[in-house]
Protein backbone atom coordinates (compact mmCIF):
# COMPACT_ATOMS: atom_id res chain seq x y z
CA MET A 1 -4.75 0.45 34.87
CA GLY A 2 -6.44 0.01 38.23
CA ARG A 3 -4.90 -1.20 41.47
CA ASP A 4 -6.24 -4.69 40.69
CA GLY A 5 -4.23 -4.74 37.45
CA ALA A 6 -7.33 -4.52 35.23
CA GLN A 7 -7.03 -2.17 32.28
CA SER A 8 -9.87 0.18 31.38
CA MET A 9 -10.70 3.27 29.34
CA THR A 10 -11.99 6.75 30.06
CA ILE A 11 -14.18 8.53 27.49
CA LEU A 12 -14.14 12.30 27.21
CA GLN A 13 -16.47 14.38 25.05
CA ALA A 14 -16.30 17.89 23.58
CA ASP A 15 -18.03 20.04 20.98
CA ARG A 16 -14.70 21.10 19.48
CA LEU A 17 -11.55 19.15 18.65
CA LEU A 18 -9.49 21.36 20.96
CA GLY A 19 -11.99 21.07 23.80
CA PRO A 20 -12.77 21.75 26.54
CA TYR A 21 -13.41 18.05 27.23
CA GLU A 22 -15.71 16.54 29.84
CA VAL A 23 -15.36 13.04 31.26
CA VAL A 24 -18.55 11.11 30.41
CA VAL A 25 -17.53 7.47 31.05
CA GLU A 26 -14.93 6.19 33.51
CA ARG A 27 -13.37 2.74 33.91
CA MET A 28 -14.98 1.37 30.76
CA GLN A 29 -14.11 -2.24 29.98
CA PRO A 30 -15.63 -3.18 26.63
CA LEU A 31 -17.43 -6.53 26.86
CA SER A 32 -16.19 -6.66 30.50
CA MET A 33 -12.72 -7.39 29.15
CA SER A 34 -9.44 -5.91 30.29
CA SER A 35 -8.39 -3.99 27.20
CA GLY A 36 -4.99 -2.92 25.95
CA ASP A 37 -4.03 -0.97 22.81
CA PHE A 38 -7.02 0.02 20.68
CA ASP A 39 -8.15 1.83 17.55
CA LEU A 40 -11.51 3.45 16.79
CA ALA A 41 -13.03 3.57 13.31
CA VAL A 42 -16.23 4.99 11.83
CA GLY A 43 -17.78 3.71 8.61
CA ALA A 44 -19.45 5.75 5.89
CA ASP A 45 -22.83 4.88 7.46
CA GLY A 46 -21.80 6.43 10.78
CA ARG A 47 -21.52 3.11 12.62
CA ALA A 48 -18.42 2.90 14.77
CA TYR A 49 -16.16 0.05 15.87
CA ILE A 50 -13.37 -0.50 18.35
CA TYR A 51 -10.44 -2.84 17.78
CA PHE A 52 -8.61 -3.67 20.99
CA GLU A 53 -6.15 -6.14 22.41
CA ARG A 54 -7.64 -8.54 24.93
CA VAL A 55 -4.45 -8.53 26.93
CA HIS A 56 -1.93 -11.13 25.78
CA SER A 57 -4.56 -13.39 24.18
CA ALA A 58 -6.40 -12.01 21.13
CA LEU A 59 -7.55 -9.00 19.15
CA VAL A 60 -11.22 -8.06 19.43
CA CYS A 61 -13.49 -6.04 17.14
CA ALA A 62 -16.66 -4.75 18.84
CA ASP A 63 -19.54 -2.62 17.55
CA LEU A 64 -20.01 0.66 19.40
CA THR A 65 -23.42 1.93 20.45
CA PRO A 66 -24.95 4.76 18.35
CA ASP A 67 -23.71 7.36 20.85
CA TYR A 68 -20.18 5.80 20.72
CA LEU A 69 -20.11 5.57 24.53
CA GLY A 70 -20.30 1.80 24.88
CA VAL A 71 -20.46 -1.49 22.99
CA THR A 72 -23.55 -3.26 21.68
CA GLY A 73 -22.41 -6.79 22.53
CA THR A 74 -21.68 -7.74 18.92
CA TYR A 75 -18.01 -8.65 18.57
CA SER A 76 -15.48 -10.96 16.92
CA THR A 77 -12.06 -12.27 17.97
CA HIS A 78 -8.96 -12.56 15.81
CA PHE A 79 -5.39 -13.89 15.95
CA VAL A 80 -6.28 -16.22 18.82
CA GLY A 81 -3.98 -18.86 20.30
CA THR A 82 -0.70 -17.01 20.57
CA HIS A 83 1.36 -15.56 23.40
CA PRO A 84 4.01 -12.80 23.60
CA PRO A 85 5.98 -11.94 21.57
CA PHE A 86 3.50 -13.17 18.93
CA THR A 87 0.19 -11.86 20.33
CA ARG A 88 -1.06 -8.96 18.22
CA GLU A 89 -1.50 -5.49 19.73
CA ALA A 90 -1.50 -1.82 18.62
CA PRO A 91 -4.18 -2.31 15.93
CA ALA A 92 -4.26 0.37 13.23
CA HIS A 93 -7.31 0.09 10.96
CA PHE A 94 -7.82 1.67 7.55
CA GLU A 95 -10.09 1.12 4.57
CA ARG A 96 -9.10 1.04 0.89
CA ASP A 97 -11.10 -0.04 -2.15
CA GLY A 98 -13.78 -1.60 0.03
CA LYS A 99 -11.29 -3.68 2.01
CA HIS A 100 -10.53 -3.45 5.73
CA TYR A 101 -6.86 -3.54 6.71
CA LEU A 102 -5.28 -3.99 10.14
CA VAL A 103 -1.64 -3.24 10.85
CA THR A 104 -0.63 -4.77 14.18
CA SER A 105 2.44 -5.23 16.32
CA GLY A 106 3.75 -8.13 18.34
CA THR A 107 4.06 -7.85 22.13
CA THR A 108 7.57 -7.08 23.41
CA GLY A 109 6.93 -4.18 25.76
CA TYR A 110 8.51 -0.95 24.53
CA LEU A 111 10.98 -2.86 22.34
CA PRO A 112 10.05 -3.14 18.64
CA ASN A 113 9.16 -6.25 16.69
CA PRO A 114 7.88 -7.32 13.26
CA SER A 115 4.61 -5.73 12.18
CA GLN A 116 1.85 -7.66 10.49
CA VAL A 117 -0.80 -6.51 8.03
CA ALA A 118 -4.06 -8.39 7.45
CA VAL A 119 -7.05 -7.73 5.18
CA ALA A 120 -10.75 -8.58 5.25
CA ASP A 121 -13.96 -7.79 3.37
CA ASP A 122 -15.83 -6.88 6.55
CA TRP A 123 -15.15 -5.05 9.81
CA HIS A 124 -15.33 -8.39 11.63
CA GLY A 125 -13.22 -10.34 9.19
CA PRO A 126 -12.20 -13.03 8.74
CA PHE A 127 -8.78 -11.43 8.31
CA ARG A 128 -6.20 -12.86 5.94
CA VAL A 129 -2.62 -12.24 7.03
CA LEU A 130 -0.45 -10.67 4.31
CA GLY A 131 2.78 -10.56 6.32
CA ASP A 132 5.21 -7.91 7.54
CA PRO A 133 4.74 -4.76 5.42
CA HIS A 134 8.10 -3.24 6.37
CA GLY A 135 10.53 -5.77 4.96
CA ASP A 136 13.04 -4.63 7.58
CA PRO A 137 15.96 -7.07 7.93
CA SER A 138 16.26 -6.20 11.64
CA ARG A 139 12.66 -7.41 12.15
CA THR A 140 11.88 -4.30 14.20
CA SER A 141 9.61 -2.37 11.81
CA PHE A 142 12.42 0.16 11.47
CA HIS A 143 12.66 0.29 15.28
CA SER A 144 9.09 1.49 15.66
CA GLN A 145 5.50 0.44 16.37
CA VAL A 146 2.73 1.59 14.01
CA SER A 147 -0.02 3.30 15.97
CA SER A 148 -2.15 4.82 13.19
CA VAL A 149 -2.69 4.66 9.44
CA PHE A 150 -4.65 7.47 7.82
CA LYS A 151 -5.66 8.56 4.34
CA VAL A 152 -4.43 12.04 3.46
CA PRO A 153 -7.43 14.22 2.46
CA GLY A 154 -7.29 15.55 -1.07
CA ARG A 155 -4.51 13.17 -2.16
CA GLU A 156 -5.42 10.23 -4.37
CA ASP A 157 -4.64 6.86 -2.80
CA CYS A 158 -2.23 8.45 -0.31
CA TYR A 159 -1.94 6.70 3.06
CA VAL A 160 0.55 7.44 5.83
CA ALA A 161 1.63 5.27 8.75
CA LEU A 162 2.48 6.99 12.03
CA ALA A 163 4.70 4.89 14.29
CA ASP A 164 6.13 5.36 17.78
CA ARG A 165 9.86 4.81 18.21
CA TRP A 166 9.63 4.14 21.94
CA ARG A 167 13.26 3.18 22.57
CA PRO A 168 15.64 5.09 20.25
CA ASP A 169 18.36 4.36 22.82
CA CYS A 170 18.11 0.59 22.28
CA MET A 171 18.18 0.29 18.50
CA GLU A 172 21.31 -1.88 18.66
CA VAL A 173 19.58 -4.63 20.68
CA PRO A 174 18.73 -7.52 18.30
CA TYR A 175 15.09 -8.54 18.12
CA GLU A 176 15.92 -12.24 18.24
CA ALA A 177 17.56 -11.84 21.65
CA TYR A 178 14.62 -10.35 23.52
CA ALA A 179 11.93 -12.12 21.48
CA ARG A 180 13.30 -15.42 22.74
CA LEU A 181 13.09 -14.17 26.32
CA PHE A 182 9.45 -13.08 25.95
CA ASP A 183 8.58 -16.43 24.38
CA ARG A 184 10.21 -18.43 27.16
CA ALA A 185 8.78 -16.21 29.92
CA PHE A 186 5.22 -17.02 28.79
CA THR A 187 5.84 -20.72 28.17
CA GLU A 188 8.20 -21.60 31.03
CA GLY A 189 7.71 -18.79 33.55
CA MET A 190 10.55 -16.71 35.01
CA THR A 191 12.88 -19.57 35.81
CA PRO A 192 16.31 -18.93 37.40
CA GLY A 193 17.91 -19.79 34.05
CA LEU A 194 15.77 -17.26 32.22
CA LYS A 195 16.53 -14.55 34.80
CA LEU A 196 20.23 -15.24 34.30
CA GLU A 197 19.88 -15.00 30.52
CA TYR A 198 18.09 -11.65 30.87
CA ALA A 199 20.80 -10.39 33.26
CA LYS A 200 23.45 -11.26 30.68
CA LEU A 201 21.54 -9.42 27.95
CA ALA A 202 21.06 -6.37 30.21
CA ALA A 203 24.76 -6.39 31.04
CA ARG A 204 25.57 -6.29 27.35
CA TYR A 205 23.03 -3.53 26.69
CA PRO A 206 22.90 -1.46 29.93
CA ARG A 207 20.09 0.83 28.75
CA LEU A 208 17.80 -2.13 28.12
CA GLY A 209 16.38 -2.21 31.64
CA VAL A 210 15.48 1.50 31.78
CA ASP A 211 12.22 2.30 29.95
CA ASN A 212 12.91 5.99 29.37
CA THR A 213 10.08 6.68 26.94
CA SER A 214 10.45 10.45 27.45
CA ILE A 215 12.99 10.32 24.61
CA ALA A 216 10.60 8.53 22.23
CA ASP A 217 10.01 10.02 18.81
CA TYR A 218 7.94 9.33 15.70
CA VAL A 219 8.44 7.63 12.35
CA TRP A 220 6.22 8.74 9.46
CA LEU A 221 6.22 6.59 6.30
CA PRO A 222 3.99 6.34 3.22
CA LEU A 223 2.21 3.11 2.29
CA SER A 224 2.56 1.47 -1.11
CA PHE A 225 0.05 -0.94 -2.63
CA GLY A 226 0.51 -3.71 -5.16
CA ASP A 227 -1.96 -4.60 -7.91
CA ASP A 228 -2.78 -7.72 -5.88
CA GLY A 229 -3.76 -5.67 -2.82
CA SER A 230 -0.48 -6.23 -1.01
CA VAL A 231 0.74 -3.53 1.37
CA THR A 232 4.29 -2.33 1.98
CA ILE A 233 5.70 0.37 4.22
CA PRO A 234 9.20 0.90 2.78
CA TRP A 235 11.85 2.99 4.46
CA ARG A 236 12.40 6.56 3.22
CA ASP A 237 15.19 8.76 4.55
CA GLU A 238 13.23 11.72 3.20
CA TRP A 239 9.91 12.00 1.41
CA THR A 240 7.18 14.47 0.55
CA LEU A 241 3.47 14.08 -0.09
CA PRO A 242 2.64 13.52 -3.76
CA SER A 243 1.06 16.45 -5.54
């Protein structure tokens, strides 16, 4: 993020996965948009796409140039017309049986919220929302935010979701309490009454106001698929890859 508050990307390039890397593009803003969380995906034909959050307003899919260093200008917007905590971010794209899936998060800072999975026949949608794949009664996606979904090579129909548990020290804070604050902050502004409500919540949960993400850890869970194409990410205390 620059001093003006605009968010941008830096692209580095290397001949090997472990580097060394060289900066080739700085302060990239795809489509001249301030971009938040993103995911990159490459199709079987070698064409690449970027899914990114147009901050607090929509999710965008844009075609990358053949050298992957910019965008062509072709793009689509999705999940438009919402505000935090409902705006979608942290897109995680994967393909299965010719379908394109997106797992996304709501927007509540480092605090977790319900995930959402959507499916489409094309990179650019339209996407049909299938709902929260976790089925977590706490509505926190098991206190985590999915950042990537990948197919395990050599394993038939085996997909794994990698999620960040940003705030393991705040797992007792109920989603409904802070979701309401985010909703009101973006519809009413930070009124004195809202500041007082936040102060009361912070007094009840003292660690809430300290974003100590150095203690963050990961949640790894397998995906399950229904015959109707539905997607679930059920909780597993322990699990191993299928043989």
